[in-house]
């Protein structure tokens, strides 16, 4: 169980670093960069479309909107660009350890 959690954590770190590289990559379309920026911004900003104090639905909107923005952005990025960004992310994380 703990090993699986460590693997999931490592994968998440790699993917987040890859998204960071994708935003900076010249081959990433501007629309994808905007969507990824919106996903990060929506996650970090203190206000939501549906306030969190509304039971259940207030938290569900975060769980729906952010993944939708990320999936939409990833669909716009060419696969070879994402592959390159994932490789760069793996290398950067290995250099830090």
PDB file of N, CA and C in Angstrom:
ATOM      1  N   UNK A   1       0.827  -1.196   0.000  1.00  0.00           N
ATOM      2  CA  UNK A   1       0.000   0.000   0.000  1.00  0.00           C
ATOM      3  C   UNK A   1       0.872   1.261   0.000  1.00  0.00           C
ATOM      4  N   UNK A   2       1.861   1.301   0.892  1.00  0.00           N
ATOM      5  CA  UNK A   2       2.746   2.455   0.984  1.00  0.00           C
ATOM      6  C   UNK A   2       3.577   2.603  -0.292  1.00  0.00           C
ATOM      7  N   UNK A   3       4.012   1.491  -0.849  1.00  0.00           N
ATOM      8  CA  UNK A   3       4.793   1.527  -2.086  1.00  0.00           C
ATOM      9  C   UNK A   3       3.952   2.077  -3.242  1.00  0.00           C
ATOM     10  N   UNK A   4       2.698   1.680  -3.307  1.00  0.00           N
ATOM     11  CA  UNK A   4       1.801   2.171  -4.350  1.00  0.00           C
ATOM     12  C   UNK A   4       1.577   3.678  -4.196  1.00  0.00           C
ATOM     13  N   UNK A   5       1.460   4.146  -2.971  1.00  0.00           N
ATOM     14  CA  UNK A   5       1.301   5.570  -2.709  1.00  0.00           C
ATOM     15  C   UNK A   5       2.545   6.350  -3.145  1.00  0.00           C
ATOM     16  N   UNK A   6       3.717   5.791  -2.901  1.00  0.00           N
ATOM     17  CA  UNK A   6       4.968   6.433  -3.328  1.00  0.00           C
ATOM     18  C   UNK A   6       5.046   6.507  -4.855  1.00  0.00           C
ATOM     19  N   UNK A   7       4.640   5.435  -5.531  1.00  0.00           N
ATOM     20  CA  UNK A   7       4.663   5.417  -6.994  1.00  0.00           C
ATOM     21  C   UNK A   7       3.692   6.451  -7.567  1.00  0.00           C
ATOM     22  N   UNK A   8       2.510   6.543  -6.973  1.00  0.00           N
ATOM     23  CA  UNK A   8       1.518   7.514  -7.424  1.00  0.00           C
ATOM     24  C   UNK A   8       2.017   8.931  -7.202  1.00  0.00           C
ATOM     25  N   UNK A   9       2.650   9.161  -6.078  1.00  0.00           N
ATOM     26  CA  UNK A   9       3.209  10.476  -5.778  1.00  0.00           C
ATOM     27  C   UNK A   9       4.303  10.852  -6.775  1.00  0.00           C
ATOM     28  N   UNK A  10       5.171   9.909  -7.104  1.00  0.00           N
ATOM     29  CA  UNK A  10       6.238  10.161  -8.074  1.00  0.00           C
ATOM     30  C   UNK A  10       5.655  10.456  -9.454  1.00  0.00           C
ATOM     31  N   UNK A  11       4.623   9.715  -9.835  1.00  0.00           N
ATOM     32  CA  UNK A  11       3.974   9.951 -11.128  1.00  0.00           C
ATOM     33  C   UNK A  11       3.336  11.334 -11.172  1.00  0.00           C
ATOM     34  N   UNK A  12       2.679  11.724 -10.090  1.00  0.00           N
ATOM     35  CA  UNK A  12       2.046  13.036 -10.021  1.00  0.00           C
ATOM     36  C   UNK A  12       3.090  14.152 -10.129  1.00  0.00           C
ATOM     37  N   UNK A  13       4.197  14.005  -9.409  1.00  0.00           N
ATOM     38  CA  UNK A  13       5.276  15.005  -9.498  1.00  0.00           C
ATOM     39  C   UNK A  13       5.810  15.119 -10.914  1.00  0.00           C
ATOM     40  N   UNK A  14       6.006  13.975 -11.566  1.00  0.00           N
ATOM     41  CA  UNK A  14       6.511  13.973 -12.938  1.00  0.00           C
ATOM     42  C   UNK A  14       5.529  14.652 -13.892  1.00  0.00           C
ATOM     43  N   UNK A  15       4.251  14.333 -13.756  1.00  0.00           N
ATOM     44  CA  UNK A  15       3.242  14.931 -14.631  1.00  0.00           C
ATOM     45  C   UNK A  15       3.144  16.446 -14.419  1.00  0.00           C
ATOM     46  N   UNK A  16       3.150  16.893 -13.169  1.00  0.00           N
ATOM     47  CA  UNK A  16       3.079  18.330 -12.908  1.00  0.00           C
ATOM     48  C   UNK A  16       4.293  19.053 -13.491  1.00  0.00           C
ATOM     49  N   UNK A  17       5.466  18.450 -13.370  1.00  0.00           N
ATOM     50  CA  UNK A  17       6.675  19.038 -13.952  1.00  0.00           C
ATOM     51  C   UNK A  17       6.573  19.029 -15.477  1.00  0.00           C
ATOM     52  N   UNK A  18       6.003  17.976 -16.044  1.00  0.00           N
ATOM     53  CA  UNK A  18       5.826  17.906 -17.500  1.00  0.00           C
ATOM     54  C   UNK A  18       4.877  19.000 -17.980  1.00  0.00           C
ATOM     55  N   UNK A  19       3.814  19.276 -17.219  1.00  0.00           N
ATOM     56  CA  UNK A  19       2.882  20.348 -17.587  1.00  0.00           C
ATOM     57  C   UNK A  19       3.593  21.695 -17.542  1.00  0.00           C
ATOM     58  N   UNK A  20       4.477  21.846 -16.566  1.00  0.00           N
ATOM     59  CA  UNK A  20       5.261  23.084 -16.465  1.00  0.00           C
ATOM     60  C   UNK A  20       6.139  23.243 -17.703  1.00  0.00           C
ATOM     61  N   UNK A  21       6.776  22.171 -18.124  1.00  0.00           N
ATOM     62  CA  UNK A  21       7.596  22.219 -19.344  1.00  0.00           C
ATOM     63  C   UNK A  21       6.723  22.463 -20.574  1.00  0.00           C
ATOM     64  N   UNK A  22       5.528  21.875 -20.595  1.00  0.00           N
ATOM     65  CA  UNK A  22       4.634  22.043 -21.748  1.00  0.00           C
ATOM     66  C   UNK A  22       4.185  23.492 -21.897  1.00  0.00           C
ATOM     67  N   UNK A  23       3.932  24.168 -20.782  1.00  0.00           N
ATOM     68  CA  UNK A  23       3.529  25.576 -20.857  1.00  0.00           C
ATOM     69  C   UNK A  23       4.632  26.417 -21.475  1.00  0.00           C
ATOM     70  N   UNK A  24       5.881  26.073 -21.181  1.00  0.00           N
ATOM     71  CA  UNK A  24       7.012  26.848 -21.692  1.00  0.00           C
ATOM     72  C   UNK A  24       7.458  26.410 -23.092  1.00  0.00           C
ATOM     73  N   UNK A  25       6.989  25.272 -23.565  1.00  0.00           N
ATOM     74  CA  UNK A  25       7.444  24.718 -24.849  1.00  0.00           C
ATOM     75  C   UNK A  25       6.879  25.517 -26.020  1.00  0.00           C
ATOM     76  N   UNK A  26       7.722  25.761 -27.016  1.00  0.00           N
ATOM     77  CA  UNK A  26       7.306  26.530 -28.201  1.00  0.00           C
ATOM     78  C   UNK A  26       6.284  25.769 -29.047  1.00  0.00           C
ATOM     79  N   UNK A  27       6.269  24.446 -28.971  1.00  0.00           N
ATOM     80  CA  UNK A  27       5.348  23.650 -29.768  1.00  0.00           C
ATOM     81  C   UNK A  27       3.961  23.514 -29.166  1.00  0.00           C
ATOM     82  N   UNK A  28       3.751  24.075 -27.990  1.00  0.00           N
ATOM     83  CA  UNK A  28       2.446  24.001 -27.345  1.00  0.00           C
ATOM     84  C   UNK A  28       1.558  25.137 -27.854  1.00  0.00           C
ATOM     85  N   UNK A  29       0.366  24.820 -28.347  1.00  0.00           N
ATOM     86  CA  UNK A  29      -0.539  25.876 -28.818  1.00  0.00           C
ATOM     87  C   UNK A  29      -0.917  26.839 -27.692  1.00  0.00           C
ATOM     88  N   UNK A  30      -1.150  28.091 -28.069  1.00  0.00           N
ATOM     89  CA  UNK A  30      -1.489  29.114 -27.069  1.00  0.00           C
ATOM     90  C   UNK A  30      -2.769  28.766 -26.306  1.00  0.00           C
ATOM     91  N   UNK A  31      -3.729  28.178 -26.980  1.00  0.00           N
ATOM     92  CA  UNK A  31      -4.985  27.811 -26.311  1.00  0.00           C
ATOM     93  C   UNK A  31      -4.728  26.790 -25.202  1.00  0.00           C
ATOM     94  N   UNK A  32      -3.840  25.836 -25.440  1.00  0.00           N
ATOM     95  CA  UNK A  32      -3.508  24.842 -24.420  1.00  0.00           C
ATOM     96  C   UNK A  32      -2.802  25.502 -23.242  1.00  0.00           C
ATOM     97  N   UNK A  33      -1.923  26.450 -23.530  1.00  0.00           N
ATOM     98  CA  UNK A  33      -1.236  27.180 -22.460  1.00  0.00           C
ATOM     99  C   UNK A  33      -2.245  27.941 -21.603  1.00  0.00           C
ATOM    100  N   UNK A  34      -3.221  28.548 -22.245  1.00  0.00           N
ATOM    101  CA  UNK A  34      -4.250  29.297 -21.514  1.00  0.00           C
ATOM    102  C   UNK A  34      -5.066  28.351 -20.636  1.00  0.00           C
ATOM    103  N   UNK A  35      -5.471  27.190 -21.177  1.00  0.00           N
ATOM    104  CA  UNK A  35      -6.261  26.234 -20.400  1.00  0.00           C
ATOM    105  C   UNK A  35      -5.486  25.700 -19.195  1.00  0.00           C
ATOM    106  N   UNK A  36      -4.201  25.391 -19.384  1.00  0.00           N
ATOM    107  CA  UNK A  36      -3.396  24.923 -18.256  1.00  0.00           C
ATOM    108  C   UNK A  36      -3.242  26.031 -17.214  1.00  0.00           C
ATOM    109  N   UNK A  37      -3.055  27.259 -17.677  1.00  0.00           N
ATOM    110  CA  UNK A  37      -2.977  28.391 -16.755  1.00  0.00           C
ATOM    111  C   UNK A  37      -4.275  28.590 -15.995  1.00  0.00           C
ATOM    112  N   UNK A  38      -5.398  28.429 -16.675  1.00  0.00           N
ATOM    113  CA  UNK A  38      -6.699  28.541 -16.006  1.00  0.00           C
ATOM    114  C   UNK A  38      -6.879  27.446 -14.949  1.00  0.00           C
ATOM    115  N   UNK A  39      -6.425  26.239 -15.266  1.00  0.00           N
ATOM    116  CA  UNK A  39      -6.541  25.132 -14.306  1.00  0.00           C
ATOM    117  C   UNK A  39      -5.742  25.438 -13.044  1.00  0.00           C
ATOM    118  N   UNK A  40      -4.518  25.918 -13.220  1.00  0.00           N
ATOM    119  CA  UNK A  40      -3.689  26.265 -12.066  1.00  0.00           C
ATOM    120  C   UNK A  40      -4.315  27.429 -11.306  1.00  0.00           C
ATOM    121  N   UNK A  41      -4.742  28.439 -12.031  1.00  0.00           N
ATOM    122  CA  UNK A  41      -5.347  29.601 -11.398  1.00  0.00           C
ATOM    123  C   UNK A  41      -6.612  29.256 -10.642  1.00  0.00           C
ATOM    124  N   UNK A  42      -7.466  28.437 -11.231  1.00  0.00           N
ATOM    125  CA  UNK A  42      -8.720  28.053 -10.576  1.00  0.00           C
ATOM    126  C   UNK A  42      -8.436  27.262  -9.299  1.00  0.00           C
ATOM    127  N   UNK A  43      -7.383  26.452  -9.345  1.00  0.00           N
ATOM    128  CA  UNK A  43      -7.020  25.668  -8.167  1.00  0.00           C
ATOM    129  C   UNK A  43      -6.509  26.556  -7.040  1.00  0.00           C
ATOM    130  N   UNK A  44      -5.730  27.571  -7.381  1.00  0.00           N
ATOM    131  CA  UNK A  44      -5.072  28.391  -6.365  1.00  0.00           C
ATOM    132  C   UNK A  44      -5.883  29.585  -5.887  1.00  0.00           C
ATOM    133  N   UNK A  45      -6.790  30.082  -6.713  1.00  0.00           N
ATOM    134  CA  UNK A  45      -7.538  31.270  -6.314  1.00  0.00           C
ATOM    135  C   UNK A  45      -8.516  30.960  -5.181  1.00  0.00           C
ATOM    136  N   UNK A  46      -8.731  31.932  -4.291  1.00  0.00           N
ATOM    137  CA  UNK A  46      -9.576  31.677  -3.127  1.00  0.00           C
ATOM    138  C   UNK A  46     -11.085  31.666  -3.414  1.00  0.00           C
ATOM    139  N   UNK A  47     -11.500  32.018  -4.620  1.00  0.00           N
ATOM    140  CA  UNK A  47     -12.929  31.998  -4.926  1.00  0.00           C
ATOM    141  C   UNK A  47     -13.220  30.980  -6.013  1.00  0.00           C
ATOM    142  N   UNK A  48     -14.441  30.463  -6.011  1.00  0.00           N
ATOM    143  CA  UNK A  48     -14.869  29.438  -6.965  1.00  0.00           C
ATOM    144  C   UNK A  48     -16.132  29.897  -7.673  1.00  0.00           C
ATOM    145  N   UNK A  49     -16.472  29.204  -8.742  1.00  0.00           N
ATOM    146  CA  UNK A  49     -17.742  29.460  -9.406  1.00  0.00           C
ATOM    147  C   UNK A  49     -18.884  29.104  -8.454  1.00  0.00           C
ATOM    148  N   UNK A  50     -18.757  27.961  -7.805  1.00  0.00           N
ATOM    149  CA  UNK A  50     -19.722  27.542  -6.780  1.00  0.00           C
ATOM    150  C   UNK A  50     -18.953  27.538  -5.452  1.00  0.00           C
ATOM    151  N   UNK A  51     -19.336  28.385  -4.496  1.00  0.00           N
ATOM    152  CA  UNK A  51     -18.590  28.476  -3.233  1.00  0.00           C
ATOM    153  C   UNK A  51     -18.519  27.141  -2.488  1.00  0.00           C
ATOM    154  N   UNK A  52     -17.375  26.902  -1.830  1.00  0.00           N
ATOM    155  CA  UNK A  52     -17.163  25.637  -1.125  1.00  0.00           C
ATOM    156  C   UNK A  52     -18.065  25.456   0.084  1.00  0.00           C
ATOM    157  N   UNK A  53     -18.645  26.539   0.608  1.00  0.00           N
ATOM    158  CA  UNK A  53     -19.503  26.370   1.787  1.00  0.00           C
ATOM    159  C   UNK A  53     -20.852  25.735   1.444  1.00  0.00           C
ATOM    160  N   UNK A  54     -21.170  25.623   0.166  1.00  0.00           N
ATOM    161  CA  UNK A  54     -22.383  24.906  -0.245  1.00  0.00           C
ATOM    162  C   UNK A  54     -22.062  23.403  -0.171  1.00  0.00           C
ATOM    163  N   UNK A  55     -22.783  22.661   0.652  1.00  0.00           N
ATOM    164  CA  UNK A  55     -22.441  21.251   0.864  1.00  0.00           C
ATOM    165  C   UNK A  55     -22.394  20.449  -0.438  1.00  0.00           C
ATOM    166  N   UNK A  56     -21.461  19.564  -0.524  1.00  0.00           N
ATOM    167  CA  UNK A  56     -21.212  18.609  -1.599  1.00  0.00           C
ATOM    168  C   UNK A  56     -20.895  19.284  -2.934  1.00  0.00           C
ATOM    169  N   UNK A  57     -21.825  20.000  -3.513  1.00  0.00           N
ATOM    170  CA  UNK A  57     -21.622  20.568  -4.845  1.00  0.00           C
ATOM    171  C   UNK A  57     -20.518  21.631  -4.859  1.00  0.00           C
ATOM    172  N   UNK A  58     -20.277  22.262  -3.727  1.00  0.00           N
ATOM    173  CA  UNK A  58     -19.216  23.265  -3.640  1.00  0.00           C
ATOM    174  C   UNK A  58     -17.830  22.686  -3.853  1.00  0.00           C
ATOM    175  N   UNK A  59     -17.635  21.442  -3.463  1.00  0.00           N
ATOM    176  CA  UNK A  59     -16.340  20.782  -3.658  1.00  0.00           C
ATOM    177  C   UNK A  59     -16.293  19.983  -4.950  1.00  0.00           C
ATOM    178  N   UNK A  60     -17.433  19.541  -5.408  1.00  0.00           N
ATOM    179  CA  UNK A  60     -17.481  18.749  -6.635  1.00  0.00           C
ATOM    180  C   UNK A  60     -17.080  19.592  -7.844  1.00  0.00           C
ATOM    181  N   UNK A  61     -17.403  20.892  -7.832  1.00  0.00           N
ATOM    182  CA  UNK A  61     -17.052  21.713  -8.989  1.00  0.00           C
ATOM    183  C   UNK A  61     -15.541  21.758  -9.193  1.00  0.00           C
ATOM    184  N   UNK A  62     -14.771  21.774  -8.104  1.00  0.00           N
ATOM    185  CA  UNK A  62     -13.311  21.737  -8.227  1.00  0.00           C
ATOM    186  C   UNK A  62     -12.851  20.421  -8.849  1.00  0.00           C
ATOM    187  N   UNK A  63     -13.486  19.339  -8.459  1.00  0.00           N
ATOM    188  CA  UNK A  63     -13.111  18.015  -8.946  1.00  0.00           C
ATOM    189  C   UNK A  63     -13.534  17.787 -10.397  1.00  0.00           C
ATOM    190  N   UNK A  64     -14.386  18.643 -10.929  1.00  0.00           N
ATOM    191  CA  UNK A  64     -14.831  18.502 -12.314  1.00  0.00           C
ATOM    192  C   UNK A  64     -14.135  19.517 -13.222  1.00  0.00           C
ATOM    193  N   UNK A  65     -14.078  20.763 -12.813  1.00  0.00           N
ATOM    194  CA  UNK A  65     -13.563  21.829 -13.666  1.00  0.00           C
ATOM    195  C   UNK A  65     -12.068  21.691 -13.935  1.00  0.00           C
ATOM    196  N   UNK A  66     -11.285  21.487 -12.878  1.00  0.00           N
ATOM    197  CA  UNK A  66      -9.827  21.428 -13.051  1.00  0.00           C
ATOM    198  C   UNK A  66      -9.413  20.259 -13.945  1.00  0.00           C
ATOM    199  N   UNK A  67      -9.864  19.023 -13.694  1.00  0.00           N
ATOM    200  CA  UNK A  67      -9.484  17.937 -14.605  1.00  0.00           C
ATOM    201  C   UNK A  67      -9.978  18.169 -16.042  1.00  0.00           C
ATOM    202  N   UNK A  68     -11.161  18.751 -16.200  1.00  0.00           N
ATOM    203  CA  UNK A  68     -11.661  19.041 -17.540  1.00  0.00           C
ATOM    204  C   UNK A  68     -10.720  19.992 -18.275  1.00  0.00           C
ATOM    205  N   UNK A  69     -10.259  21.054 -17.600  1.00  0.00           N
ATOM    206  CA  UNK A  69      -9.347  22.007 -18.229  1.00  0.00           C
ATOM    207  C   UNK A  69      -8.024  21.339 -18.607  1.00  0.00           C
ATOM    208  N   UNK A  70      -7.503  20.490 -17.713  1.00  0.00           N
ATOM    209  CA  UNK A  70      -6.234  19.808 -17.993  1.00  0.00           C
ATOM    210  C   UNK A  70      -6.401  18.833 -19.159  1.00  0.00           C
ATOM    211  N   UNK A  71      -7.467  18.056 -19.160  1.00  0.00           N
ATOM    212  CA  UNK A  71      -7.693  17.084 -20.243  1.00  0.00           C
ATOM    213  C   UNK A  71      -7.884  17.802 -21.582  1.00  0.00           C
ATOM    214  N   UNK A  72      -8.617  18.900 -21.574  1.00  0.00           N
ATOM    215  CA  UNK A  72      -8.819  19.666 -22.806  1.00  0.00           C
ATOM    216  C   UNK A  72      -7.490  20.219 -23.321  1.00  0.00           C
ATOM    217  N   UNK A  73      -6.662  20.726 -22.418  1.00  0.00           N
ATOM    218  CA  UNK A  73      -5.357  21.269 -22.819  1.00  0.00           C
ATOM    219  C   UNK A  73      -4.456  20.170 -23.367  1.00  0.00           C
ATOM    220  N   UNK A  74      -4.430  19.023 -22.701  1.00  0.00           N
ATOM    221  CA  UNK A  74      -3.582  17.922 -23.158  1.00  0.00           C
ATOM    222  C   UNK A  74      -4.030  17.396 -24.520  1.00  0.00           C
ATOM    223  N   UNK A  75      -5.307  17.497 -24.809  1.00  0.00           N
ATOM    224  CA  UNK A  75      -5.798  17.079 -26.120  1.00  0.00           C
ATOM    225  C   UNK A  75      -5.323  17.979 -27.253  1.00  0.00           C
ATOM    226  N   UNK A  76      -4.955  19.203 -26.925  1.00  0.00           N
ATOM    227  CA  UNK A  76      -4.484  20.156 -27.936  1.00  0.00           C
ATOM    228  C   UNK A  76      -2.972  20.079 -28.173  1.00  0.00           C
ATOM    229  N   UNK A  77      -2.246  19.544 -27.204  1.00  0.00           N
ATOM    230  CA  UNK A  77      -0.787  19.502 -27.304  1.00  0.00           C
ATOM    231  C   UNK A  77      -0.392  18.289 -28.141  1.00  0.00           C
ATOM    232  N   UNK A  78       0.465  18.478 -29.143  1.00  0.00           N
ATOM    233  CA  UNK A  78       0.909  17.338 -29.954  1.00  0.00           C
ATOM    234  C   UNK A  78       1.579  16.274 -29.076  1.00  0.00           C
ATOM    235  N   UNK A  79       1.329  14.995 -29.356  1.00  0.00           N
ATOM    236  CA  UNK A  79       1.887  13.914 -28.530  1.00  0.00           C
ATOM    237  C   UNK A  79       3.413  13.957 -28.422  1.00  0.00           C
ATOM    238  N   UNK A  80       4.087  14.318 -29.511  1.00  0.00           N
ATOM    239  CA  UNK A  80       5.554  14.346 -29.451  1.00  0.00           C
ATOM    240  C   UNK A  80       6.058  15.452 -28.520  1.00  0.00           C
ATOM    241  N   UNK A  81       5.316  16.539 -28.425  1.00  0.00           N
ATOM    242  CA  UNK A  81       5.684  17.612 -27.500  1.00  0.00           C
ATOM    243  C   UNK A  81       5.513  17.129 -26.064  1.00  0.00           C
ATOM    244  N   UNK A  82       4.401  16.458 -25.751  1.00  0.00           N
ATOM    245  CA  UNK A  82       4.183  15.955 -24.396  1.00  0.00           C
ATOM    246  C   UNK A  82       5.205  14.886 -24.042  1.00  0.00           C
ATOM    247  N   UNK A  83       5.566  14.051 -25.005  1.00  0.00           N
ATOM    248  CA  UNK A  83       6.582  13.022 -24.743  1.00  0.00           C
ATOM    249  C   UNK A  83       7.908  13.681 -24.385  1.00  0.00           C
ATOM    250  N   UNK A  84       8.276  14.705 -25.140  1.00  0.00           N
ATOM    251  CA  UNK A  84       9.519  15.431 -24.856  1.00  0.00           C
ATOM    252  C   UNK A  84       9.456  16.097 -23.476  1.00  0.00           C
ATOM    253  N   UNK A  85       8.324  16.677 -23.154  1.00  0.00           N
ATOM    254  CA  UNK A  85       8.168  17.349 -21.856  1.00  0.00           C
ATOM    255  C   UNK A  85       8.222  16.351 -20.703  1.00  0.00           C
ATOM    256  N   UNK A  86       7.644  15.165 -20.896  1.00  0.00           N
ATOM    257  CA  UNK A  86       7.708  14.139 -19.851  1.00  0.00           C
ATOM    258  C   UNK A  86       9.139  13.648 -19.654  1.00  0.00           C
ATOM    259  N   UNK A  87       9.887  13.499 -20.746  1.00  0.00           N
ATOM    260  CA  UNK A  87      11.290  13.098 -20.637  1.00  0.00           C
ATOM    261  C   UNK A  87      12.097  14.165 -19.894  1.00  0.00           C
ATOM    262  N   UNK A  88      11.876  15.417 -20.245  1.00  0.00           N
ATOM    263  CA  UNK A  88      12.577  16.508 -19.566  1.00  0.00           C
ATOM    264  C   UNK A  88      12.217  16.542 -18.088  1.00  0.00           C
ATOM    265  N   UNK A  89      10.953  16.275 -17.776  1.00  0.00           N
ATOM    266  CA  UNK A  89      10.517  16.261 -16.376  1.00  0.00           C
ATOM    267  C   UNK A  89      11.185  15.133 -15.609  1.00  0.00           C
ATOM    268  N   UNK A  90      11.225  13.936 -16.203  1.00  0.00           N
ATOM    269  CA  UNK A  90      11.891  12.797 -15.534  1.00  0.00           C
ATOM    270  C   UNK A  90      13.370  13.104 -15.282  1.00  0.00           C
ATOM    271  N   UNK A  91      14.027  13.661 -16.294  1.00  0.00           N
ATOM    272  CA  UNK A  91      15.435  13.998 -16.143  1.00  0.00           C
ATOM    273  C   UNK A  91      15.648  15.069 -15.075  1.00  0.00           C
ATOM    274  N   UNK A  92      14.799  16.081 -15.047  1.00  0.00           N
ATOM    275  CA  UNK A  92      14.932  17.149 -14.059  1.00  0.00           C
ATOM    276  C   UNK A  92      14.715  16.612 -12.651  1.00  0.00           C
ATOM    277  N   UNK A  93      13.740  15.726 -12.479  1.00  0.00           N
ATOM    278  CA  UNK A  93      13.475  15.172 -11.151  1.00  0.00           C
ATOM    279  C   UNK A  93      14.571  14.215 -10.711  1.00  0.00           C
ATOM    280  N   UNK A  94      15.173  13.475 -11.657  1.00  0.00           N
ATOM    281  CA  UNK A  94      16.279  12.588 -11.311  1.00  0.00           C
ATOM    282  C   UNK A  94      17.521  13.377 -10.916  1.00  0.00           C
ATOM    283  N   UNK A  95      17.735  14.526 -11.564  1.00  0.00           N
ATOM    284  CA  UNK A  95      18.874  15.373 -11.230  1.00  0.00           C
ATOM    285  C   UNK A  95      18.737  15.990  -9.844  1.00  0.00           C
ATOM    286  N   UNK A  96      17.491  16.211  -9.390  1.00  0.00           N
ATOM    287  CA  UNK A  96      17.252  16.809  -8.085  1.00  0.00           C
ATOM    288  C   UNK A  96      17.411  15.820  -6.933  1.00  0.00           C
ATOM    289  N   UNK A  97      17.378  14.517  -7.233  1.00  0.00           N
ATOM    290  CA  UNK A  97      17.469  13.538  -6.153  1.00  0.00           C
ATOM    291  C   UNK A  97      18.886  13.096  -5.894  1.00  0.00           C
TER     292      UNK A  97
END
